Amino acid sequence: MKKTIFTLAAIATLFLGACKKDNNDNNPGGKGDSYQPLTAGSVWKYRNTSLGEGAEVDTSINTLTGTTKTINGKKFHVLNSVTGDETSEGYIGVNGNVYSMYYEAGLEQAVELTYLDDNKKAGDTWTEDKVIKDGETEFTIKLKTTVVEKGGSKTILDKNYKDVAHSKIELQVELEEGEWETLSQLDFYAAKGVGIIGIYTKFGDEDVAKAELFNYTIK
């Protein structure tokens, strides 16, 4: 199983494609005021769990390499992600007040996913359209993002984090003209000075996967 923090975020998009086809001693306070530290050599370790029948657990270790890549005119920082004996590259960006990740959607192109806009307040919502290619077929999905809470706390794996932003991303498809339905949901939790502390994925009303931070080192 390979569900790093990046491939976990891609799960919901993969579901859409299938439907179209029919440190325990770390200080939880962190360092700095950003929801995503970007210092080279910083490390985040996640416990990744697939839920339901055949549930599996593994871990991934994400390390900021110190290199950057420009994608669609935006600056992304390169993460080296190791899960078991597999190594992959991920990209995370902080452009202005916008936090996003760029990952392979598992179809024919990569997708930029904005998970937080620090200019938004709790209750604010925005929507982005994304065109997904599946073979010779193209279809549009909507990403509806809501800031659920800012400045709260969250306990993950017996560790309490402060100054947490919680955002919810609903992946929607058009069933009929003008009628959109949510198929999948991603809940992101990011703590100031720490980064992403948890991602929880639902398909319909069913919890399908989660990635939870259990250790980190911010340089």
Protein backbone atom coordinates (compact mmCIF):
# COMPACT_ATOMS: atom_id res chain seq x y z
CA MET A 1 0.00 0.00 0.00
CA LYS A 2 1.26 3.48 -0.79
CA LYS A 3 -0.87 6.24 0.67
CA THR A 4 1.51 9.09 1.43
CA ILE A 5 0.08 12.44 2.34
CA PHE A 6 0.04 13.27 -1.37
CA THR A 7 -1.46 10.07 -2.74
CA LEU A 8 -4.02 10.20 0.03
CA ALA A 9 -5.23 13.53 -1.28
CA ALA A 10 -5.48 11.96 -4.74
CA ILE A 11 -7.81 9.18 -3.58
CA ALA A 12 -10.96 11.21 -4.11
CA THR A 13 -9.93 12.11 -7.66
CA LEU A 14 -9.26 8.45 -8.38
CA PHE A 15 -12.77 7.66 -7.14
CA LEU A 16 -14.14 10.20 -9.59
CA GLY A 17 -12.25 8.52 -12.41
CA ALA A 18 -13.67 5.13 -11.41
CA CYS A 19 -17.20 6.52 -11.28
CA LYS A 20 -16.74 8.08 -14.71
CA LYS A 21 -15.78 4.68 -16.09
CA ASP A 22 -18.90 3.07 -14.34
CA ASN A 23 8.40 12.55 17.48
CA ASN A 24 6.51 11.94 20.48
CA ASP A 25 8.75 14.48 22.25
CA ASN A 26 8.11 17.21 19.71
CA ASN A 27 6.54 20.44 20.93
CA PRO A 28 3.03 20.65 19.42
CA GLY A 29 3.34 24.44 19.49
CA GLY A 30 5.74 24.39 16.53
CA LYS A 31 7.77 27.33 15.27
CA GLY A 32 6.69 30.44 13.37
CA ASP A 33 3.39 31.82 12.15
CA SER A 34 3.03 29.89 8.89
CA TYR A 35 0.73 26.91 8.51
CA GLN A 36 3.49 25.28 6.44
CA PRO A 37 7.15 25.71 7.44
CA LEU A 38 9.42 25.57 4.40
CA THR A 39 12.90 25.20 5.91
CA ALA A 40 15.15 22.72 4.10
CA GLY A 41 15.69 19.54 6.09
CA SER A 42 12.39 19.73 7.97
CA VAL A 43 10.78 16.30 8.34
CA TRP A 44 7.19 15.12 8.85
CA LYS A 45 6.27 11.51 9.64
CA TYR A 46 2.71 10.30 9.03
CA ARG A 47 0.74 7.21 9.90
CA ASN A 48 -1.39 6.37 6.86
CA THR A 49 -4.48 4.23 7.33
CA SER A 50 -6.89 2.82 4.77
CA LEU A 51 -10.23 2.07 6.39
CA GLY A 52 -12.97 -0.46 5.75
CA GLU A 53 -12.49 -3.98 4.40
CA GLY A 54 -8.83 -4.91 4.04
CA ALA A 55 -7.71 -1.96 6.18
CA GLU A 56 -3.97 -1.34 6.11
CA VAL A 57 -1.53 0.90 7.94
CA ASP A 58 1.86 2.19 6.86
CA THR A 59 4.07 5.22 7.48
CA SER A 60 5.53 7.89 5.25
CA ILE A 61 8.45 10.23 5.87
CA ASN A 62 8.38 13.58 4.05
CA THR A 63 11.54 15.70 3.93
CA LEU A 64 11.86 19.18 2.43
CA THR A 65 14.79 19.04 0.04
CA GLY A 66 15.47 22.77 -0.20
CA THR A 67 14.80 22.83 -3.93
CA THR A 68 11.86 24.51 -5.63
CA LYS A 69 9.93 24.11 -8.85
CA THR A 70 7.78 26.61 -10.72
CA ILE A 71 4.46 25.15 -11.87
CA ASN A 72 1.88 27.27 -13.67
CA GLY A 73 3.74 30.38 -12.56
CA LYS A 74 3.67 29.39 -8.88
CA LYS A 75 6.54 28.37 -6.63
CA PHE A 76 6.39 24.91 -5.09
CA HIS A 77 8.82 23.34 -2.63
CA VAL A 78 9.98 19.79 -3.32
CA LEU A 79 9.32 17.08 -0.75
CA ASN A 80 11.03 13.71 -0.80
CA SER A 81 8.44 11.18 0.38
CA VAL A 82 9.42 7.66 1.46
CA THR A 83 6.84 4.95 2.18
CA GLY A 84 8.29 1.50 2.76
CA ASP A 85 10.74 0.85 -0.07
CA GLU A 86 9.07 3.37 -2.39
CA THR A 87 10.26 6.94 -2.88
CA SER A 88 8.35 9.69 -4.64
CA GLU A 89 8.46 13.45 -5.08
CA GLY A 90 5.74 15.79 -3.87
CA TYR A 91 5.24 19.53 -4.16
CA ILE A 92 3.83 21.94 -1.61
CA GLY A 93 3.37 25.65 -2.17
CA VAL A 94 2.77 28.78 -0.13
CA ASN A 95 2.05 31.62 -2.54
CA GLY A 96 0.96 34.71 -0.68
CA ASN A 97 -1.68 33.49 1.74
CA VAL A 98 -2.63 30.45 -0.37
CA TYR A 99 -1.48 26.96 0.64
CA SER A 100 -1.61 24.20 -1.94
CA MET A 101 -0.17 20.87 -3.00
CA TYR A 102 0.49 19.56 -6.48
CA TYR A 103 0.14 15.84 -7.04
CA GLU A 104 -0.48 13.18 -9.63
CA ALA A 105 -4.21 12.58 -9.93
CA GLY A 106 -3.75 9.02 -11.14
CA LEU A 107 -5.42 9.73 -14.47
CA GLU A 108 -3.48 11.62 -17.14
CA GLN A 109 -2.41 14.83 -15.45
CA ALA A 110 -1.35 16.37 -12.18
CA VAL A 111 -3.72 18.50 -10.13
CA GLU A 112 -3.11 21.53 -7.95
CA LEU A 113 -5.17 21.35 -4.76
CA THR A 114 -5.61 24.50 -2.67
CA TYR A 115 -6.34 23.43 0.89
CA LEU A 116 -6.15 26.76 2.74
CA ASP A 117 -6.37 30.50 2.08
CA ASP A 118 -5.19 32.34 5.18
CA ASN A 119 -7.03 35.49 4.08
CA LYS A 120 -10.34 33.68 4.50
CA LYS A 121 -12.19 33.53 7.79
CA ALA A 122 -14.13 30.65 9.31
CA GLY A 123 -17.26 30.02 7.30
CA ASP A 124 -15.87 31.39 4.02
CA THR A 125 -16.28 29.19 0.94
CA TRP A 126 -14.85 29.28 -2.58
CA THR A 127 -15.14 27.02 -5.61
CA GLU A 128 -12.65 26.00 -8.30
CA ASP A 129 -13.36 24.11 -11.52
CA LYS A 130 -10.91 21.40 -12.61
CA VAL A 131 -10.93 19.58 -15.94
CA ILE A 132 -10.04 15.89 -15.53
CA LYS A 133 -8.87 13.72 -18.42
CA ASP A 134 -9.77 10.03 -18.39
CA GLY A 135 -8.63 8.36 -21.60
CA GLU A 136 -10.34 10.20 -24.42
CA THR A 137 -12.91 11.67 -22.06
CA GLU A 138 -12.75 15.04 -20.34
CA PHE A 139 -15.05 16.06 -17.53
CA THR A 140 -15.23 18.94 -15.09
CA ILE A 141 -15.28 18.62 -11.34
CA LYS A 142 -15.79 21.35 -8.78
CA LEU A 143 -13.65 21.71 -5.68
CA LYS A 144 -15.70 23.49 -3.03
CA THR A 145 -13.48 24.57 -0.14
CA THR A 146 -14.80 25.79 3.20
CA VAL A 147 -12.78 27.17 6.10
CA VAL A 148 -14.39 25.29 8.97
CA GLU A 149 -12.33 26.74 11.84
CA LYS A 150 -9.22 28.82 12.49
CA GLY A 151 -7.32 29.18 15.74
CA GLY A 152 -8.72 26.04 17.32
CA SER A 153 -7.00 22.96 18.69
CA LYS A 154 -6.87 19.37 17.48
CA THR A 155 -5.71 16.19 19.18
CA ILE A 156 -4.15 13.61 16.86
CA LEU A 157 -2.55 10.39 18.10
CA ASP A 158 -2.68 11.66 21.70
CA LYS A 159 -0.90 14.91 20.84
CA ASN A 160 -2.72 18.25 21.10
CA TYR A 161 -1.94 20.97 18.56
CA LYS A 162 -2.82 24.65 18.94
CA ASP A 163 -3.54 27.37 16.35
CA VAL A 164 -5.07 24.86 13.96
CA ALA A 165 -6.86 25.67 10.71
CA HIS A 166 -9.47 23.15 9.56
CA SER A 167 -10.63 23.26 5.95
CA LYS A 168 -13.03 21.00 4.09
CA ILE A 169 -12.79 20.28 0.35
CA GLU A 170 -15.81 18.76 -1.36
CA LEU A 171 -15.25 17.15 -4.78
CA GLN A 172 -18.41 17.57 -6.79
CA VAL A 173 -19.62 16.23 -10.15
CA GLU A 174 -22.49 17.44 -12.31
CA LEU A 175 -25.30 14.88 -12.46
CA GLU A 176 -27.60 17.06 -14.54
CA GLU A 177 -27.15 20.51 -15.98
CA GLY A 178 -26.58 22.86 -13.07
CA GLU A 179 -27.04 20.10 -10.48
CA TRP A 180 -23.84 19.22 -8.62
CA GLU A 181 -23.40 16.45 -6.08
CA THR A 182 -20.58 15.89 -3.59
CA LEU A 183 -18.97 12.49 -4.05
CA SER A 184 -15.86 12.85 -1.90
CA GLN A 185 -14.63 15.03 0.92
CA LEU A 186 -11.16 15.86 2.22
CA ASP A 187 -10.69 17.40 5.66
CA PHE A 188 -7.33 19.12 6.16
CA TYR A 189 -5.91 20.15 9.54
CA ALA A 190 -2.83 22.40 9.58
CA ALA A 191 -1.14 23.79 12.69
CA LYS A 192 0.86 27.02 12.73
CA GLY A 193 4.56 26.36 12.90
CA VAL A 194 4.04 22.66 12.22
CA GLY A 195 2.31 22.08 8.87
CA ILE A 196 -0.33 19.54 7.90
CA ILE A 197 -1.16 17.40 10.92
CA GLY A 198 -3.98 15.35 9.42
CA ILE A 199 -5.92 14.59 6.23
CA TYR A 200 -9.16 12.61 6.39
CA THR A 201 -10.87 11.29 3.26
CA LYS A 202 -14.52 10.34 2.80
CA PHE A 203 -16.31 8.83 -0.17
CA GLY A 204 -19.98 9.60 0.30
CA ASP A 205 -20.63 9.08 4.01
CA GLU A 206 -17.89 6.46 4.37
CA ASP A 207 -14.49 7.20 5.89
CA VAL A 208 -11.96 5.64 3.52
CA ALA A 209 -8.48 6.85 4.53
CA LYS A 210 -6.52 9.10 6.82
CA ALA A 211 -2.98 10.40 7.26
CA GLU A 212 -1.98 11.56 10.75
CA LEU A 213 1.23 13.22 11.91
CA PHE A 214 3.06 11.33 14.64
CA ASN A 215 6.49 12.99 14.60
CA TYR A 216 8.14 16.03 13.05
CA THR A 217 11.30 18.13 13.10
CA ILE A 218 11.20 21.77 11.97
CA LYS A 219 14.63 23.16 11.15
